[in-house]
């Protein structure tokens, strides 16, 4: 597993999820779970993504990640419609542990309300919620 990190270009949700707003199309965001979340879960063994076209509601669960320790809900940091899922995780869900901010992304969404970004945390604020 990678070392703890919280990239400054991401927005963070208190439930240990992140969002990366697409620089070329700010109506699109890539979502995933944070280093803290994957570390707490342990080795991820299964991720069942929702279907493309599924509508996510901010702060509501939209998928489950299963690890050797537990099954955990993945909470949407932003509302929107799923436009892409990371198909590579079906064959190698451990990518979530190995590269949570890169190849371990979960879904991409077209944002329903871009102003919701304002309620998310920057990296320093998120780290402060972890006690560090």
C-alpha atoms as a PDB file:
ATOM      1  CA  UNK A   1       0.000   0.000   0.000  1.00  0.00           C
ATOM      2  CA  UNK A   2       1.030   3.541  -0.612  1.00  0.00           C
ATOM      3  CA  UNK A   3       2.098   5.964   2.071  1.00  0.00           C
ATOM      4  CA  UNK A   4      -0.497   8.376   3.525  1.00  0.00           C
ATOM      5  CA  UNK A   5      -1.152  11.265   1.195  1.00  0.00           C
ATOM      6  CA  UNK A   6      -3.878  13.771   0.485  1.00  0.00           C
ATOM      7  CA  UNK A   7      -3.265  15.584  -2.825  1.00  0.00           C
ATOM      8  CA  UNK A   8      -3.966  19.325  -2.637  1.00  0.00           C
ATOM      9  CA  UNK A   9      -5.780  19.382  -6.003  1.00  0.00           C
ATOM     10  CA  UNK A  10      -8.639  17.236  -4.672  1.00  0.00           C
ATOM     11  CA  UNK A  11     -11.748  18.065  -2.680  1.00  0.00           C
ATOM     12  CA  UNK A  12     -12.576  15.840   0.288  1.00  0.00           C
ATOM     13  CA  UNK A  13     -15.763  14.645   1.953  1.00  0.00           C
ATOM     14  CA  UNK A  14     -15.821  13.940   5.693  1.00  0.00           C
ATOM     15  CA  UNK A  15     -16.840  10.327   4.950  1.00  0.00           C
ATOM     16  CA  UNK A  16     -13.370   9.727   3.427  1.00  0.00           C
ATOM     17  CA  UNK A  17     -14.211  10.208  -0.231  1.00  0.00           C
ATOM     18  CA  UNK A  18     -12.559  12.550  -2.717  1.00  0.00           C
ATOM     19  CA  UNK A  19     -13.534  14.424  -5.872  1.00  0.00           C
ATOM     20  CA  UNK A  20     -11.289  15.680  -8.662  1.00  0.00           C
ATOM     21  CA  UNK A  21     -12.934  18.330 -10.816  1.00  0.00           C
ATOM     22  CA  UNK A  22     -11.954  17.932 -14.476  1.00  0.00           C
ATOM     23  CA  UNK A  23      -9.843  20.923 -15.511  1.00  0.00           C
ATOM     24  CA  UNK A  24     -11.083  20.728 -19.109  1.00  0.00           C
ATOM     25  CA  UNK A  25     -14.748  20.189 -18.217  1.00  0.00           C
ATOM     26  CA  UNK A  26     -15.656  21.473 -14.720  1.00  0.00           C
ATOM     27  CA  UNK A  27     -19.055  19.764 -14.989  1.00  0.00           C
ATOM     28  CA  UNK A  28     -17.283  16.377 -14.665  1.00  0.00           C
ATOM     29  CA  UNK A  29     -15.757  15.008 -11.471  1.00  0.00           C
ATOM     30  CA  UNK A  30     -13.839  11.812 -10.788  1.00  0.00           C
ATOM     31  CA  UNK A  31     -14.651  10.206  -7.419  1.00  0.00           C
ATOM     32  CA  UNK A  32     -12.773   7.778  -5.197  1.00  0.00           C
ATOM     33  CA  UNK A  33     -11.953   6.907  -1.608  1.00  0.00           C
ATOM     34  CA  UNK A  34      -9.127   8.485   0.343  1.00  0.00           C
ATOM     35  CA  UNK A  35      -5.885   6.928   1.470  1.00  0.00           C
ATOM     36  CA  UNK A  36      -7.308   6.909   5.003  1.00  0.00           C
ATOM     37  CA  UNK A  37     -10.388   4.949   3.883  1.00  0.00           C
ATOM     38  CA  UNK A  38      -8.472   2.312   1.943  1.00  0.00           C
ATOM     39  CA  UNK A  39      -5.995   1.942   4.816  1.00  0.00           C
ATOM     40  CA  UNK A  40      -8.809   1.464   7.340  1.00  0.00           C
ATOM     41  CA  UNK A  41     -10.474  -1.091   5.071  1.00  0.00           C
ATOM     42  CA  UNK A  42      -7.368  -3.147   4.491  1.00  0.00           C
ATOM     43  CA  UNK A  43      -6.928  -5.155   1.312  1.00  0.00           C
ATOM     44  CA  UNK A  44      -9.818  -4.403  -1.043  1.00  0.00           C
ATOM     45  CA  UNK A  45     -11.069  -7.622  -2.627  1.00  0.00           C
ATOM     46  CA  UNK A  46     -14.233  -6.484  -4.419  1.00  0.00           C
ATOM     47  CA  UNK A  47     -15.852  -3.346  -5.807  1.00  0.00           C
ATOM     48  CA  UNK A  48     -19.239  -3.463  -7.462  1.00  0.00           C
ATOM     49  CA  UNK A  49     -19.811  -0.162  -9.224  1.00  0.00           C
ATOM     50  CA  UNK A  50     -23.221   1.270  -9.940  1.00  0.00           C
ATOM     51  CA  UNK A  51     -24.271   1.362 -13.597  1.00  0.00           C
ATOM     52  CA  UNK A  52     -23.505   4.241 -15.928  1.00  0.00           C
ATOM     53  CA  UNK A  53     -26.549   6.501 -15.806  1.00  0.00           C
ATOM     54  CA  UNK A  54     -27.108   6.016 -12.066  1.00  0.00           C
ATOM     55  CA  UNK A  55     -27.892   9.300 -10.322  1.00  0.00           C
ATOM     56  CA  UNK A  56     -25.919   9.988  -7.142  1.00  0.00           C
ATOM     57  CA  UNK A  57     -27.142  12.143  -4.283  1.00  0.00           C
ATOM     58  CA  UNK A  58     -24.549  14.044  -2.267  1.00  0.00           C
ATOM     59  CA  UNK A  59     -23.907  12.420   1.135  1.00  0.00           C
ATOM     60  CA  UNK A  60     -25.737   9.191   0.161  1.00  0.00           C
ATOM     61  CA  UNK A  61     -24.138   5.770  -0.371  1.00  0.00           C
ATOM     62  CA  UNK A  62     -23.779   4.762  -4.023  1.00  0.00           C
ATOM     63  CA  UNK A  63     -21.574   1.652  -3.958  1.00  0.00           C
ATOM     64  CA  UNK A  64     -19.886  -0.843  -1.672  1.00  0.00           C
ATOM     65  CA  UNK A  65     -16.233  -1.732  -1.288  1.00  0.00           C
ATOM     66  CA  UNK A  66     -15.475  -5.118   0.213  1.00  0.00           C
ATOM     67  CA  UNK A  67     -12.196  -5.806   1.963  1.00  0.00           C
ATOM     68  CA  UNK A  68     -10.771  -8.653   3.964  1.00  0.00           C
ATOM     69  CA  UNK A  69     -12.032  -6.794   7.065  1.00  0.00           C
ATOM     70  CA  UNK A  70     -15.489  -5.473   6.132  1.00  0.00           C
ATOM     71  CA  UNK A  71     -17.979  -4.279   3.568  1.00  0.00           C
ATOM     72  CA  UNK A  72     -18.268  -0.494   3.551  1.00  0.00           C
ATOM     73  CA  UNK A  73     -20.527   1.977   1.812  1.00  0.00           C
ATOM     74  CA  UNK A  74     -18.983   4.517  -0.530  1.00  0.00           C
ATOM     75  CA  UNK A  75     -20.598   7.920   0.002  1.00  0.00           C
ATOM     76  CA  UNK A  76     -21.050  10.395  -2.835  1.00  0.00           C
ATOM     77  CA  UNK A  77     -19.207  13.645  -2.137  1.00  0.00           C
ATOM     78  CA  UNK A  78     -21.203  15.348  -4.917  1.00  0.00           C
ATOM     79  CA  UNK A  79     -24.521  14.825  -6.709  1.00  0.00           C
ATOM     80  CA  UNK A  80     -24.615  13.863 -10.357  1.00  0.00           C
ATOM     81  CA  UNK A  81     -25.066  11.185 -12.986  1.00  0.00           C
ATOM     82  CA  UNK A  82     -22.447   8.499 -13.476  1.00  0.00           C
ATOM     83  CA  UNK A  83     -20.901   8.821 -16.928  1.00  0.00           C
ATOM     84  CA  UNK A  84     -18.079   6.288 -16.508  1.00  0.00           C
ATOM     85  CA  UNK A  85     -17.030   3.539 -14.111  1.00  0.00           C
ATOM     86  CA  UNK A  86     -13.515   2.210 -13.593  1.00  0.00           C
ATOM     87  CA  UNK A  87     -13.843  -1.190 -15.256  1.00  0.00           C
ATOM     88  CA  UNK A  88     -10.272  -2.097 -14.319  1.00  0.00           C
ATOM     89  CA  UNK A  89     -11.333  -2.531 -10.697  1.00  0.00           C
ATOM     90  CA  UNK A  90     -13.445  -5.575 -11.587  1.00  0.00           C
ATOM     91  CA  UNK A  91     -10.305  -7.593 -12.267  1.00  0.00           C
ATOM     92  CA  UNK A  92      -7.975  -5.833  -9.838  1.00  0.00           C
ATOM     93  CA  UNK A  93      -9.845  -4.169  -6.953  1.00  0.00           C
ATOM     94  CA  UNK A  94      -6.559  -3.921  -5.003  1.00  0.00           C
ATOM     95  CA  UNK A  95      -5.734  -0.976  -7.277  1.00  0.00           C
ATOM     96  CA  UNK A  96      -7.848   1.040  -4.822  1.00  0.00           C
ATOM     97  CA  UNK A  97      -5.188   0.287  -2.167  1.00  0.00           C
ATOM     98  CA  UNK A  98      -2.209   0.696  -4.459  1.00  0.00           C
ATOM     99  CA  UNK A  99      -3.179   3.972  -6.145  1.00  0.00           C
ATOM    100  CA  UNK A 100      -6.303   5.482  -4.511  1.00  0.00           C
ATOM    101  CA  UNK A 101      -5.942   8.853  -6.284  1.00  0.00           C
ATOM    102  CA  UNK A 102      -4.848   7.569  -9.683  1.00  0.00           C
ATOM    103  CA  UNK A 103      -5.741   4.222 -11.237  1.00  0.00           C
ATOM    104  CA  UNK A 104      -7.903   3.399  -8.192  1.00  0.00           C
ATOM    105  CA  UNK A 105     -10.610   5.974  -8.988  1.00  0.00           C
ATOM    106  CA  UNK A 106     -14.163   4.601  -8.810  1.00  0.00           C
ATOM    107  CA  UNK A 107     -16.553   6.596 -11.031  1.00  0.00           C
ATOM    108  CA  UNK A 108     -16.862   9.783 -13.060  1.00  0.00           C
ATOM    109  CA  UNK A 109     -19.992  11.900 -12.743  1.00  0.00           C
ATOM    110  CA  UNK A 110     -21.613  14.798 -14.545  1.00  0.00           C
ATOM    111  CA  UNK A 111     -22.338  17.186 -11.684  1.00  0.00           C
ATOM    112  CA  UNK A 112     -25.949  18.094 -10.969  1.00  0.00           C
ATOM    113  CA  UNK A 113     -25.032  21.121  -8.853  1.00  0.00           C
ATOM    114  CA  UNK A 114     -21.445  22.355  -9.207  1.00  0.00           C
ATOM    115  CA  UNK A 115     -21.927  24.680  -6.215  1.00  0.00           C
ATOM    116  CA  UNK A 116     -21.903  21.599  -3.946  1.00  0.00           C
ATOM    117  CA  UNK A 117     -18.115  21.705  -4.293  1.00  0.00           C
ATOM    118  CA  UNK A 118     -18.127  24.608  -1.852  1.00  0.00           C
ATOM    119  CA  UNK A 119     -19.178  22.277   0.976  1.00  0.00           C
ATOM    120  CA  UNK A 120     -16.203  19.931   0.525  1.00  0.00           C
ATOM    121  CA  UNK A 121     -12.896  20.183   2.362  1.00  0.00           C
ATOM    122  CA  UNK A 122      -9.466  21.058   1.042  1.00  0.00           C
ATOM    123  CA  UNK A 123      -6.598  18.685   1.850  1.00  0.00           C
ATOM    124  CA  UNK A 124      -5.482  20.509   5.003  1.00  0.00           C
ATOM    125  CA  UNK A 125      -9.022  20.695   6.388  1.00  0.00           C
ATOM    126  CA  UNK A 126      -9.601  17.019   5.649  1.00  0.00           C
ATOM    127  CA  UNK A 127      -6.319  16.019   7.326  1.00  0.00           C
ATOM    128  CA  UNK A 128      -7.406  18.037  10.383  1.00  0.00           C
ATOM    129  CA  UNK A 129     -10.529  15.837  10.675  1.00  0.00           C
ATOM    130  CA  UNK A 130      -8.208  12.843  10.941  1.00  0.00           C
ATOM    131  CA  UNK A 131      -6.425  14.382  13.894  1.00  0.00           C
ATOM    132  CA  UNK A 132      -3.265  15.087  11.946  1.00  0.00           C
END
